[in-house]
Amino acid sequence: MTEFSLFNWSGGKDSALALYHSLKDDSHQIKRLLTSINIETERISMHGVRLSLLEKQAYAIGIPLSILCLPGEITMEEYDQMMRIQMNQVKEEGITTSVFGDIFLEDLKAYREQRLEEVGLSGKFPLWKRDTTELVHEFIDLGFRTMVVSVDGSKLDQSFVGREIDKAFLNDLPEGVDPCGENGEFHSFVFEGPIFKEPIQFERGEVVAKEYNLSKENDETVTYWFQDLF
């Protein structure tokens, strides 16, 4: 019996590769994509990609898209409550599992599984514990194309944002930076590949720097670089 799954779509390369493998898995059917956006900016949370481009991706994939609209400022408790409501809604469609593109962050996986268990769902992680160098080369070799749209300035300099992830990009990464950006070093926007019926059309905008205070204990800030696309 085929089970129905929700796929947590970020628009980036790990998500795209996980979806690719999920679509080849006959044991379950991806019934819906889910993406969180900042309702104030109408952009994907963390990645900064416009809602209009997210909708183009979903259309090219051919799977219905659900959007979780988050306020600009939100606590973890508020986020958990909104996500719980969303998960209870998808259960009504017969969905029993939620699929993620996580690779090796144990605490994040445990958090997801705990929250899913609370509403009677299970998690699937098709890329879990795979070597990230192997994964990124598989991604490129399959014909996927993706652009770096945000960079943590404490780990990479501005020159990396706006670049396509190819073998030259990987060769330029400093030592200690994960080739999949699994530690948050960078995020990407996938615009071509085997999961799409057509490439995603877009234009480059400006590169924007934003400062974030990541600690409540001090005033130290981190600069993030964003490549705007439209």
Protein backbone atom coordinates (compact mmCIF):
# COMPACT_ATOMS: atom_id res chain seq x y z
CA MET A 1 0.00 0.00 0.00
CA THR A 2 1.42 3.37 -1.05
CA GLU A 3 1.62 5.97 1.69
CA PHE A 4 1.23 9.70 1.11
CA SER A 5 3.95 12.15 2.08
CA LEU A 6 4.45 15.86 2.56
CA PHE A 7 7.76 17.21 1.25
CA ASN A 8 9.41 20.13 3.06
CA TRP A 9 10.64 22.17 0.11
CA SER A 10 13.26 24.88 0.66
CA GLY A 11 14.00 25.61 -3.00
CA GLY A 12 17.67 24.71 -2.55
CA LYS A 13 19.95 21.93 -3.72
CA ASP A 14 19.68 19.47 -0.80
CA SER A 15 15.91 19.76 -0.95
CA ALA A 16 15.95 19.18 -4.72
CA LEU A 17 18.16 16.10 -4.46
CA ALA A 18 16.04 14.66 -1.63
CA LEU A 19 12.91 15.22 -3.72
CA TYR A 20 14.57 13.54 -6.71
CA HIS A 21 15.21 10.40 -4.65
CA SER A 22 11.76 10.57 -3.06
CA LEU A 23 10.05 10.65 -6.45
CA LYS A 24 11.94 7.49 -7.42
CA ASP A 25 10.78 5.69 -4.26
CA ASP A 26 7.65 3.69 -5.10
CA SER A 27 6.80 3.08 -1.43
CA HIS A 28 5.30 6.53 -1.03
CA GLN A 29 3.80 9.35 -3.09
CA ILE A 30 4.65 13.02 -2.57
CA LYS A 31 1.21 14.61 -2.33
CA ARG A 32 2.20 18.15 -1.41
CA LEU A 33 5.16 20.52 -1.01
CA LEU A 34 5.41 22.78 2.04
CA THR A 35 7.51 25.95 2.30
CA SER A 36 7.70 28.57 5.05
CA ILE A 37 7.80 32.19 3.94
CA ASN A 38 8.14 35.51 5.73
CA ILE A 39 4.74 37.08 5.12
CA GLU A 40 6.14 40.62 5.52
CA THR A 41 8.74 40.24 2.76
CA GLU A 42 7.05 37.43 0.77
CA ARG A 43 10.34 35.55 0.63
CA ILE A 44 11.41 32.05 1.67
CA SER A 45 12.62 32.05 5.27
CA MET A 46 16.46 31.97 5.50
CA HIS A 47 17.04 31.77 1.73
CA GLY A 48 15.48 35.12 0.89
CA VAL A 49 14.06 33.86 -2.43
CA ARG A 50 10.92 35.59 -3.68
CA LEU A 51 7.55 33.84 -3.41
CA SER A 52 7.07 34.30 -7.17
CA LEU A 53 10.14 32.13 -7.88
CA LEU A 54 9.03 29.51 -5.35
CA GLU A 55 5.72 29.28 -7.20
CA LYS A 56 7.58 28.84 -10.50
CA GLN A 57 9.54 25.95 -8.98
CA ALA A 58 6.39 24.23 -7.73
CA TYR A 59 4.70 24.63 -11.12
CA ALA A 60 7.73 23.14 -12.90
CA ILE A 61 7.80 20.22 -10.43
CA GLY A 62 4.08 19.62 -10.84
CA ILE A 63 3.21 19.03 -7.17
CA PRO A 64 0.73 21.25 -5.24
CA LEU A 65 2.39 23.81 -2.96
CA SER A 66 1.30 24.75 0.56
CA ILE A 67 2.74 27.89 2.12
CA LEU A 68 3.20 28.45 5.85
CA CYS A 69 3.09 32.23 6.32
CA LEU A 70 5.28 33.32 9.22
CA PRO A 71 5.52 36.81 10.75
CA GLY A 72 8.86 38.58 10.62
CA GLU A 73 9.38 38.13 14.35
CA ILE A 74 8.37 34.76 15.78
CA THR A 75 9.29 32.67 18.81
CA MET A 76 9.98 28.94 18.61
CA GLU A 77 6.82 28.32 20.63
CA GLU A 78 4.75 30.29 18.10
CA TYR A 79 6.44 28.51 15.20
CA ASP A 80 5.77 25.09 16.75
CA GLN A 81 2.10 25.97 17.25
CA MET A 82 1.68 27.14 13.63
CA MET A 83 3.45 24.05 12.30
CA ARG A 84 1.32 21.77 14.49
CA ILE A 85 -1.84 23.28 12.97
CA GLN A 86 -0.39 22.77 9.48
CA MET A 87 0.52 19.13 10.18
CA ASN A 88 -2.94 18.36 11.53
CA GLN A 89 -4.40 19.80 8.32
CA VAL A 90 -2.26 17.63 6.03
CA LYS A 91 -3.19 14.54 8.07
CA GLU A 92 -6.76 15.10 6.92
CA GLU A 93 -5.53 14.51 3.34
CA GLY A 94 -4.23 11.07 4.31
CA ILE A 95 -0.60 12.18 4.61
CA THR A 96 1.33 10.07 7.11
CA THR A 97 4.98 11.11 6.60
CA SER A 98 6.94 14.33 6.26
CA VAL A 99 10.12 14.31 4.12
CA PHE A 100 13.21 16.47 4.72
CA GLY A 101 16.54 17.08 2.97
CA ASP A 102 18.62 17.07 6.18
CA ILE A 103 22.00 15.32 5.99
CA PHE A 104 23.78 15.18 9.35
CA LEU A 105 22.45 17.66 11.93
CA GLU A 106 21.39 15.25 14.69
CA ASP A 107 19.68 17.84 16.91
CA LEU A 108 17.58 19.16 14.04
CA LYS A 109 16.51 15.66 13.01
CA ALA A 110 15.57 14.82 16.61
CA TYR A 111 13.57 18.06 16.89
CA ARG A 112 11.65 17.31 13.68
CA GLU A 113 10.90 13.72 14.70
CA GLN A 114 9.69 14.76 18.14
CA ARG A 115 7.32 17.40 16.75
CA LEU A 116 5.99 14.99 14.12
CA GLU A 117 5.43 12.25 16.69
CA GLU A 118 3.33 14.68 18.74
CA VAL A 119 0.80 14.87 15.89
CA GLY A 120 1.02 11.24 14.80
CA LEU A 121 3.28 11.63 11.75
CA SER A 122 6.69 10.12 10.96
CA GLY A 123 9.73 11.60 9.23
CA LYS A 124 11.72 10.51 6.19
CA PHE A 125 15.29 11.68 5.49
CA PRO A 126 16.46 10.30 2.10
CA LEU A 127 19.91 11.96 2.28
CA TRP A 128 20.61 11.17 5.93
CA LYS A 129 24.26 10.43 6.82
CA ARG A 130 25.43 10.42 3.20
CA ASP A 131 28.82 11.97 2.46
CA THR A 132 28.26 15.62 1.50
CA THR A 133 31.06 15.69 -1.08
CA GLU A 134 29.50 12.68 -2.77
CA LEU A 135 26.06 14.30 -2.61
CA VAL A 136 27.03 17.60 -4.20
CA HIS A 137 28.84 15.84 -7.05
CA GLU A 138 25.82 13.59 -7.59
CA PHE A 139 23.65 16.70 -7.71
CA ILE A 140 25.83 18.31 -10.39
CA ASP A 141 26.23 15.08 -12.39
CA LEU A 142 22.43 14.57 -12.50
CA GLY A 143 22.14 17.86 -14.37
CA PHE A 144 20.86 20.07 -11.56
CA ARG A 145 21.84 23.73 -11.63
CA THR A 146 21.64 26.01 -8.62
CA MET A 147 22.77 29.49 -7.58
CA VAL A 148 24.02 30.59 -4.17
CA VAL A 149 21.51 33.14 -2.89
CA SER A 150 22.71 33.68 0.68
CA VAL A 151 26.08 33.43 2.43
CA ASP A 152 27.05 33.55 6.10
CA GLY A 153 29.72 36.24 6.04
CA SER A 154 31.47 34.75 9.07
CA LYS A 155 32.24 31.62 7.03
CA LEU A 156 32.46 32.80 3.41
CA ASP A 157 33.13 36.17 1.78
CA GLN A 158 30.82 38.10 -0.52
CA SER A 159 32.40 36.67 -3.68
CA PHE A 160 30.57 33.36 -3.19
CA VAL A 161 27.05 34.77 -3.30
CA GLY A 162 25.48 34.82 -6.75
CA ARG A 163 27.69 32.01 -8.05
CA GLU A 164 26.44 28.80 -9.58
CA ILE A 165 27.44 25.70 -7.62
CA ASP A 166 29.72 23.81 -9.98
CA LYS A 167 33.06 22.07 -9.62
CA ALA A 168 34.94 25.39 -9.78
CA PHE A 169 32.81 26.69 -6.91
CA LEU A 170 33.58 23.58 -4.85
CA ASN A 171 37.31 23.95 -5.51
CA ASP A 172 37.20 27.53 -4.24
CA LEU A 173 35.54 26.70 -0.90
CA PRO A 174 37.83 27.33 2.09
CA GLU A 175 38.90 24.41 4.24
CA GLY A 176 36.29 23.58 6.86
CA VAL A 177 33.29 24.72 4.82
CA ASP A 178 30.88 21.88 4.13
CA PRO A 179 30.42 21.37 0.35
CA CYS A 180 26.65 21.19 0.85
CA GLY A 181 26.60 24.16 3.24
CA GLU A 182 25.04 21.86 5.83
CA ASN A 183 26.31 24.05 8.68
CA GLY A 184 24.49 27.08 7.28
CA GLU A 185 27.46 28.44 5.32
CA PHE A 186 25.30 29.11 2.25
CA HIS A 187 21.86 28.51 0.76
CA SER A 188 20.87 28.09 -2.85
CA PHE A 189 18.09 28.37 -5.44
CA VAL A 190 17.69 25.46 -7.87
CA PHE A 191 16.62 26.54 -11.34
CA GLU A 192 17.15 23.49 -13.55
CA GLY A 193 17.27 19.71 -13.20
CA PRO A 194 15.52 16.37 -13.64
CA ILE A 195 12.67 17.15 -11.23
CA PHE A 196 11.56 20.15 -13.36
CA LYS A 197 9.58 19.94 -16.58
CA GLU A 198 11.25 23.20 -17.66
CA PRO A 199 14.05 25.48 -16.36
CA ILE A 200 13.06 28.30 -14.02
CA GLN A 201 13.41 31.70 -15.67
CA PHE A 202 14.79 34.49 -13.47
CA GLU A 203 16.92 37.64 -13.49
CA ARG A 204 19.63 38.72 -11.09
CA GLY A 205 19.02 41.73 -8.88
CA GLU A 206 21.36 43.45 -6.45
CA VAL A 207 23.53 41.87 -3.76
CA VAL A 208 22.36 42.99 -0.32
CA ALA A 209 24.18 42.84 3.04
CA LYS A 210 22.14 42.34 6.22
CA GLU A 211 23.41 42.20 9.78
CA TYR A 212 21.93 39.82 12.34
CA ASN A 213 22.48 39.56 16.07
CA LEU A 214 22.57 35.80 16.62
CA SER A 215 23.06 35.90 20.39
CA LYS A 216 20.98 37.41 23.16
CA GLU A 217 24.07 37.44 25.37
CA ASN A 218 26.07 40.09 23.47
CA ASP A 219 25.88 42.66 20.68
CA GLU A 220 28.06 40.73 18.25
CA THR A 221 26.55 40.69 14.76
CA VAL A 222 27.07 38.55 11.66
CA THR A 223 26.75 39.88 8.11
CA TYR A 224 24.83 37.78 5.61
CA TRP A 225 25.05 38.42 1.87
CA PHE A 226 21.96 37.89 -0.30
CA GLN A 227 21.72 37.70 -4.08
CA ASP A 228 18.30 38.99 -5.05
CA LEU A 229 16.57 37.17 -7.89
CA PHE A 230 13.35 38.09 -9.64
